[in-house]
Protein backbone atom coordinates (compact mmCIF):
# COMPACT_ATOMS: atom_id res chain seq x y z
CA MET A 1 0.31 4.78 44.92
CA PRO A 2 -0.54 3.61 48.28
CA LYS A 3 0.23 5.84 50.98
CA ALA A 4 3.75 5.33 52.76
CA THR A 5 4.42 3.10 55.92
CA GLU A 6 8.11 3.74 56.02
CA THR A 7 10.81 5.95 54.75
CA LEU A 8 10.95 5.76 50.97
CA LEU A 9 11.97 6.81 47.39
CA GLU A 10 9.53 6.43 44.71
CA ILE A 11 11.01 6.26 41.34
CA ASP A 12 8.39 7.28 38.51
CA LEU A 13 9.35 5.45 35.20
CA ASN A 14 6.51 7.15 33.49
CA ALA A 15 8.13 10.48 34.48
CA LEU A 16 11.33 9.39 33.30
CA ARG A 17 9.82 8.51 30.43
CA HIS A 18 8.08 12.02 29.60
CA ASN A 19 11.40 14.13 30.30
CA TYR A 20 13.23 11.93 27.77
CA ASN A 21 11.07 12.26 25.27
CA TYR A 22 10.57 16.41 26.16
CA LEU A 23 14.59 16.34 25.67
CA SER A 24 14.23 14.33 22.36
CA SER A 25 11.94 16.70 20.94
CA LYS A 26 14.52 19.47 21.18
CA VAL A 27 17.25 17.28 19.71
CA ASP A 28 17.72 16.83 16.05
CA LYS A 29 16.31 13.17 15.02
CA ASN A 30 19.92 12.66 13.79
CA THR A 31 21.72 13.09 17.08
CA LYS A 32 22.38 10.61 19.46
CA MET A 33 21.63 10.70 22.89
CA LEU A 34 23.74 10.05 26.02
CA ALA A 35 21.83 9.73 29.28
CA VAL A 36 24.21 10.15 32.44
CA VAL A 37 23.11 7.57 35.12
CA LYS A 38 26.21 8.05 37.83
CA ALA A 39 25.79 8.36 41.28
CA PHE A 40 23.08 5.65 41.56
CA GLY A 41 21.22 7.59 39.02
CA TYR A 42 21.42 10.89 40.16
CA GLY A 43 20.27 9.23 43.73
CA SER A 44 17.09 6.88 42.37
CA GLU A 45 18.36 3.54 41.34
CA SER A 46 20.56 3.27 37.93
CA VAL A 47 19.54 0.41 36.86
CA ALA A 48 15.75 0.54 36.57
CA ILE A 49 16.65 4.28 35.23
CA ALA A 50 19.08 2.80 32.62
CA ASN A 51 16.97 -0.44 31.81
CA GLU A 52 13.81 2.12 30.72
CA LEU A 53 15.93 4.38 29.14
CA ALA A 54 17.57 1.61 27.10
CA THR A 55 13.86 0.43 25.50
CA LEU A 56 13.78 4.11 24.37
CA GLY A 57 16.61 3.73 22.28
CA VAL A 58 19.34 6.11 24.02
CA ALA A 59 22.84 5.58 22.30
CA TYR A 60 24.86 5.74 25.59
CA PHE A 61 24.95 5.75 29.26
CA GLY A 62 27.35 8.18 30.88
CA VAL A 63 29.08 6.79 34.64
CA ALA A 64 31.64 8.72 36.41
CA TYR A 65 33.36 5.77 37.65
CA ALA A 66 33.75 1.95 36.37
CA GLY A 67 32.21 0.56 39.16
CA GLU A 68 28.90 2.04 38.45
CA GLY A 69 29.16 0.89 34.76
CA GLU A 70 29.99 -2.74 35.91
CA THR A 71 26.71 -2.28 38.00
CA LEU A 72 24.73 -1.96 34.74
CA ARG A 73 26.45 -4.85 32.82
CA ASN A 74 25.65 -6.98 35.81
CA ALA A 75 22.04 -6.10 35.16
CA GLY A 76 22.16 -7.02 31.55
CA ILE A 77 22.76 -3.83 29.85
CA GLU A 78 24.43 -3.85 26.37
CA THR A 79 24.33 -0.24 25.38
CA PRO A 80 27.62 1.39 25.28
CA ILE A 81 29.17 2.99 28.58
CA LEU A 82 31.25 5.95 28.42
CA VAL A 83 33.49 6.10 31.62
CA LEU A 84 33.96 9.85 32.37
CA HIS A 85 36.35 9.61 34.98
CA PRO A 86 38.54 6.63 34.54
CA LEU A 87 40.96 5.43 36.43
CA PRO A 88 44.55 3.08 35.69
CA VAL A 89 43.37 0.68 38.54
CA ASN A 90 40.06 0.08 36.87
CA PHE A 91 41.20 -0.50 32.87
CA ASP A 92 40.63 -4.17 33.81
CA LEU A 93 37.18 -3.86 34.77
CA ILE A 94 36.68 -1.36 31.84
CA VAL A 95 37.77 -3.41 29.20
CA ASN A 96 36.80 -6.64 30.78
CA ARG A 97 32.85 -5.47 30.85
CA CYS A 98 33.69 -3.55 27.28
CA MET A 99 32.89 0.00 28.55
CA GLU A 100 34.94 3.17 27.14
CA PRO A 101 37.14 5.38 28.82
CA SER A 102 37.01 8.86 28.57
CA VAL A 103 40.67 9.77 28.03
CA TYR A 104 41.87 13.40 29.62
CA SER A 105 45.42 13.30 29.91
CA HIS A 106 48.51 12.72 27.99
CA LYS A 107 49.25 9.95 30.94
CA ILE A 108 46.11 8.42 31.06
CA LEU A 109 46.12 8.05 27.22
CA LYS A 110 49.69 6.55 27.63
CA ASP A 111 48.57 4.21 30.53
CA PHE A 112 45.73 2.65 28.75
CA ILE A 113 47.52 2.38 25.24
CA ASN A 114 50.20 0.39 27.48
CA TYR A 115 47.24 -1.59 29.09
CA ALA A 116 45.29 -2.18 25.73
CA GLU A 117 48.56 -3.43 24.09
CA SER A 118 49.37 -5.73 26.49
CA GLN A 119 45.67 -7.33 26.16
CA LYS A 120 46.46 -7.31 22.46
CA GLN A 121 43.59 -5.13 21.98
CA HIS A 122 42.75 -3.56 18.34
CA ASN A 123 40.84 -0.22 17.51
CA TYR A 124 39.31 -0.24 21.33
CA PRO A 125 37.25 2.83 21.55
CA ILE A 126 38.50 5.64 23.71
CA HIS A 127 36.81 9.30 23.99
CA LEU A 128 38.68 12.32 23.80
CA LYS A 129 38.15 14.82 26.89
CA PHE A 130 39.02 18.40 26.28
CA ASN A 131 39.16 21.44 28.65
CA THR A 132 37.33 24.33 26.93
CA GLY A 133 37.02 26.47 29.98
CA LEU A 134 35.33 24.35 33.06
CA ASN A 135 38.89 23.55 34.16
CA ARG A 136 38.22 20.26 35.66
CA LEU A 137 39.09 17.38 33.57
CA GLY A 138 40.74 17.39 29.98
CA PHE A 139 43.26 17.96 27.00
CA ARG A 140 44.15 21.35 25.97
CA LYS A 141 44.06 22.69 22.38
CA GLU A 142 47.70 22.69 22.34
CA ASP A 143 48.05 18.96 23.20
CA ILE A 144 46.76 18.08 20.21
CA PRO A 145 50.13 17.27 17.95
CA LYS A 146 51.42 15.15 20.97
CA ILE A 147 48.24 13.17 21.14
CA ILE A 148 48.42 12.60 17.47
CA GLU A 149 51.71 11.50 17.88
CA THR A 150 51.09 8.99 20.38
CA LEU A 151 48.11 7.80 18.54
CA SER A 152 50.37 7.14 15.66
CA ARG A 153 52.37 5.05 17.32
CA THR A 154 49.71 2.45 18.17
CA GLU A 155 46.81 0.54 16.56
CA SER A 156 45.48 -0.77 19.95
CA VAL A 157 42.93 2.21 20.03
CA SER A 158 40.91 4.58 18.24
CA VAL A 159 39.00 7.62 18.84
CA LYS A 160 35.03 6.86 19.16
CA SER A 161 34.57 10.73 20.49
CA VAL A 162 35.88 13.94 20.98
CA PHE A 163 34.03 16.09 23.65
CA SER A 164 34.01 18.85 26.25
CA HIS A 165 31.94 19.93 29.18
CA LEU A 166 29.76 23.45 29.26
CA ALA A 167 30.62 25.65 32.81
CA ALA A 168 27.48 27.57 32.80
CA SER A 169 25.13 26.77 30.23
CA GLU A 170 21.93 27.21 32.46
CA ASP A 171 23.31 30.83 32.96
CA GLU A 172 22.21 33.64 30.67
CA ALA A 173 24.68 35.98 32.20
CA GLU A 174 27.23 33.89 31.02
CA ARG A 175 26.41 33.30 27.50
CA ASN A 176 28.94 34.85 25.75
CA PHE A 177 31.51 32.33 27.87
CA THR A 178 29.44 29.51 26.77
CA ILE A 179 29.41 30.58 23.04
CA ALA A 180 33.28 30.76 23.34
CA GLN A 181 33.49 27.16 24.98
CA ILE A 182 31.47 26.21 21.92
CA ASP A 183 33.74 27.63 19.49
CA GLU A 184 36.90 26.37 20.90
CA PHE A 185 35.40 23.03 20.72
CA ARG A 186 34.52 23.46 17.41
CA ASN A 187 38.07 24.77 16.64
CA ILE A 188 39.83 21.48 18.68
CA SER A 189 37.31 19.14 16.79
CA GLU A 190 38.10 20.38 13.32
CA ALA A 191 41.97 20.28 14.06
CA ILE A 192 41.27 16.52 15.67
CA ILE A 193 39.58 15.29 12.66
CA ARG A 194 42.02 16.96 9.90
CA GLN A 195 45.10 15.20 12.10
CA LEU A 196 43.08 11.80 12.68
CA GLY A 197 41.92 11.14 9.25
CA TYR A 198 38.65 10.28 10.25
CA LYS A 199 35.28 11.78 12.20
CA PRO A 200 34.47 10.42 15.69
CA LEU A 201 31.36 11.96 17.53
CA LEU A 202 31.48 15.35 18.60
CA HIS A 203 29.32 15.96 21.56
CA THR A 204 29.65 18.80 24.14
CA VAL A 205 25.85 20.12 25.41
CA ASN A 206 24.51 18.86 28.80
CA THR A 207 20.86 19.42 30.08
CA SER A 208 20.85 23.05 29.41
CA GLY A 209 22.82 23.12 26.76
CA ILE A 210 20.05 21.13 24.70
CA LEU A 211 17.31 23.64 25.98
CA ASN A 212 19.51 26.93 25.11
CA TYR A 213 22.46 26.14 22.75
CA PRO A 214 20.48 24.19 19.88
CA GLU A 215 23.12 24.87 17.71
CA ALA A 216 25.69 22.85 19.38
CA GLN A 217 24.20 19.76 19.17
CA PHE A 218 26.93 18.36 16.98
CA ASP A 219 26.85 14.06 17.00
CA MET A 220 25.37 13.50 20.50
CA VAL A 221 24.05 15.58 23.58
CA ARG A 222 24.53 14.25 27.06
CA THR A 223 21.51 14.74 29.68
CA GLY A 224 21.67 14.04 33.38
CA ILE A 225 19.49 16.38 35.66
CA GLY A 226 16.74 16.94 32.93
CA LEU A 227 16.18 13.11 33.01
CA TYR A 228 15.31 13.34 36.51
CA GLY A 229 12.80 16.09 36.32
CA PHE A 230 14.58 19.31 36.15
CA GLY A 231 15.86 21.74 33.84
CA ASN A 232 17.83 24.52 35.74
CA ASN A 233 15.35 27.20 34.70
CA PRO A 234 11.69 27.73 36.01
CA SER A 235 10.17 27.98 32.83
CA GLU A 236 11.96 24.81 31.44
CA ASN A 237 10.83 22.91 34.89
CA ILE A 238 7.47 23.32 34.14
CA ASN A 239 8.10 20.81 31.12
CA LEU A 240 9.37 18.02 33.17
CA LYS A 241 8.18 16.00 35.84
CA PRO A 242 10.57 14.94 38.81
CA VAL A 243 11.37 10.80 38.77
CA ALA A 244 11.82 11.11 42.56
CA THR A 245 9.34 11.55 45.59
CA LEU A 246 10.67 10.92 48.82
CA LYS A 247 8.17 9.91 51.21
CA THR A 248 8.01 8.99 55.03
CA VAL A 249 5.46 8.81 57.76
CA ILE A 250 4.52 9.95 61.04
CA SER A 251 5.88 7.78 63.75
CA GLN A 252 4.92 9.88 67.00
CA ILE A 253 2.82 13.19 68.09
CA HIS A 254 3.90 15.04 70.70
CA THR A 255 2.26 17.94 72.51
CA ILE A 256 4.91 20.29 73.73
CA LYS A 257 4.08 22.55 76.38
CA GLU A 258 5.32 26.51 76.47
CA GLY A 259 8.77 26.42 77.76
CA GLU A 260 9.80 22.69 76.49
CA ASN A 261 12.42 22.06 74.30
CA VAL A 262 12.72 19.66 70.99
CA GLY A 263 15.65 17.54 69.94
CA TYR A 264 19.28 17.60 71.10
CA ASN A 265 21.24 20.90 72.39
CA MET A 266 17.62 22.46 72.73
CA GLY A 267 17.33 23.26 69.36
CA PHE A 268 13.92 24.45 69.50
CA LYS A 269 11.86 25.93 72.53
CA ALA A 270 8.03 26.22 72.59
CA ARG A 271 6.67 29.88 72.83
CA GLU A 272 3.23 28.35 72.98
CA THR A 273 1.67 24.93 72.94
CA THR A 274 3.03 23.22 70.13
CA ARG A 275 2.15 20.10 68.49
CA THR A 276 5.21 18.05 66.70
CA ALA A 277 5.61 15.16 64.57
CA THR A 278 8.42 12.65 64.55
CA LEU A 279 9.33 10.81 61.18
CA PRO A 280 12.00 8.35 60.74
CA ILE A 281 14.36 10.57 58.58
CA GLY A 282 17.66 12.17 59.47
CA HIS A 283 20.65 13.36 58.27
CA ALA A 284 22.17 9.65 57.56
CA ASP A 285 18.85 9.36 55.04
CA GLY A 286 20.59 12.46 53.11
CA ILE A 287 18.42 15.40 55.20
CA SER A 288 21.44 17.93 56.18
CA ARG A 289 21.59 19.04 59.36
CA ALA A 290 21.29 22.70 57.73
CA PHE A 291 17.56 21.93 57.17
CA GLY A 292 16.95 22.05 60.92
CA LYS A 293 15.48 25.07 63.28
CA GLY A 294 12.93 25.64 60.66
CA VAL A 295 14.54 26.11 57.30
CA GLY A 296 13.51 22.89 55.95
CA TRP A 297 10.02 21.32 55.66
CA VAL A 298 7.83 18.41 54.61
CA LEU A 299 4.14 18.33 53.38
CA ILE A 300 1.62 16.74 55.46
CA ASN A 301 -1.83 16.25 54.04
CA GLY A 302 -0.91 18.99 51.55
CA ALA A 303 0.32 21.25 54.28
CA LYS A 304 3.92 22.53 54.92
CA ALA A 305 5.19 21.30 58.43
CA PRO A 306 8.49 23.22 59.33
CA ILE A 307 11.33 21.09 60.64
CA VAL A 308 11.56 22.06 64.66
CA GLY A 309 15.20 22.00 66.17
CA ASN A 310 17.96 19.86 65.05
CA VAL A 311 17.99 17.47 62.55
CA CYS A 312 18.94 14.37 64.09
CA MET A 313 20.83 10.86 62.50
CA ASP A 314 17.83 9.09 62.19
CA MET A 315 14.56 11.34 62.78
CA ILE A 316 13.20 14.88 62.17
CA MET A 317 10.62 16.49 64.24
CA VAL A 318 8.13 19.22 62.59
CA ASP A 319 5.53 21.26 63.56
CA ILE A 320 2.03 20.25 62.76
CA THR A 321 0.12 22.76 65.43
CA HIS A 322 -2.12 23.77 62.59
CA ILE A 323 -2.24 20.56 60.49
CA SER A 324 -5.07 17.67 61.09
CA CYS A 325 -2.89 14.54 60.86
CA GLU A 326 -2.15 11.43 63.22
CA GLU A 327 0.35 8.64 63.56
CA GLY A 328 0.67 6.76 60.44
CA ASP A 329 -0.16 9.61 57.95
CA GLU A 330 2.13 10.31 54.96
CA ALA A 331 4.76 12.84 55.09
CA ILE A 332 5.66 14.18 51.23
CA VAL A 333 9.64 15.68 51.83
CA PHE A 334 9.89 16.56 48.31
CA GLY A 335 8.39 15.27 44.75
CA GLU A 336 6.19 17.06 42.11
CA THR A 337 4.27 19.55 44.61
CA SER A 338 7.30 20.82 46.68
CA THR A 339 10.18 19.80 44.66
CA ALA A 340 13.93 18.76 45.74
CA GLU A 341 14.55 22.17 43.72
CA THR A 342 12.74 24.33 45.99
CA LEU A 343 13.69 22.26 49.30
CA SER A 344 17.37 22.51 48.24
CA GLU A 345 17.41 25.91 47.53
CA ALA A 346 16.28 26.48 51.04
CA ILE A 347 19.97 25.95 52.06
CA ASN A 348 21.20 27.69 49.00
CA SER A 349 21.86 24.32 47.39
CA ILE A 350 20.95 22.72 44.20
CA PRO A 351 18.84 19.47 43.26
CA TYR A 352 21.92 17.71 42.07
CA GLU A 353 23.50 17.55 45.78
CA LEU A 354 19.64 16.89 47.66
CA LEU A 355 18.93 13.95 45.42
CA THR A 356 22.28 12.16 45.56
CA ALA A 357 22.45 12.88 48.94
CA ILE A 358 19.43 10.26 49.56
CA SER A 359 21.23 7.66 51.39
CA GLN A 360 21.25 3.91 49.94
CA ARG A 361 19.71 2.54 53.31
CA VAL A 362 16.33 4.23 51.91
CA LYS A 363 14.09 2.03 50.27
CA ARG A 364 13.21 2.30 46.43
CA VAL A 365 10.08 1.58 45.10
CA VAL A 366 10.18 1.71 41.25
CA CYS A 367 6.71 2.43 39.86
CA ARG A 368 4.54 4.03 37.16
CA LYS A 369 2.05 6.85 38.27
């Protein structure tokens, strides 16, 4: 790739393909794959990501909200889309664009059935979400009789899948908790199948679940962060390639004399002559103020340049005293060498947060490295 001449996010489709193939190798050949492409494809570019994954044969896409699915449909993507957090105000959009809602409460079930009946739908696919310990969204096991009773009174919907979500599948210390979640999901699934009279798809594992709980693959697995290059474990990260590389460029170089300050509120005061580079990226682009005052860094010509002073809205300044560089040189915020996971750990965060924080004003460049 040519050197960056502005702030941009490179999205490497070859890395995405590598990650998908690696995760697929951990999954039984008869088990379907659902790719999670919510939040602009974890901060990258959802349409480019989804198009690539569609060519690889992914069975489902998962989005958080209906509008995210609409973006995929507008781009011509025909793969089934599971809307993980549908809201009644979006039922019309969901049905008109042939998306499939997660139904997680009696209210949502009743509301969607009423809507489906009003539209004269027959066997419209819904996905029943059960809470097995995350305590975020979902029915509980004791809700099954009422669910079955409600479903028995209509032909407007049919259950395409039953699913849950693991709370700590990456944490070996919580293995007993995860196994209990899987067992609970198995019990729920058996009860639902028995009372429905047919077998929907079953799925509960996420990326870490694929890697750590192969016995719980059921009919489908869901993967999000793994597709983008992170396995929530150093031993797995080496098998994956970061898809996104955030780059910028040196706008100006300053020589700061001893005693001079850099940035707002005198966030840095030079104890000796210091060279700084100003880069066109700031907290409006997703670089948290928490990275200021030496906590965060960029790579310039392979060397680490710490952020000095406070992060500005549109700029950061970095210490290049010991780096040979000049105005116009490229700076890597995160990528394959210095990863989003490493950088996020500096502020006690996770790569999910850093990746999805990258502003939509940052130019996206889709490539194959």
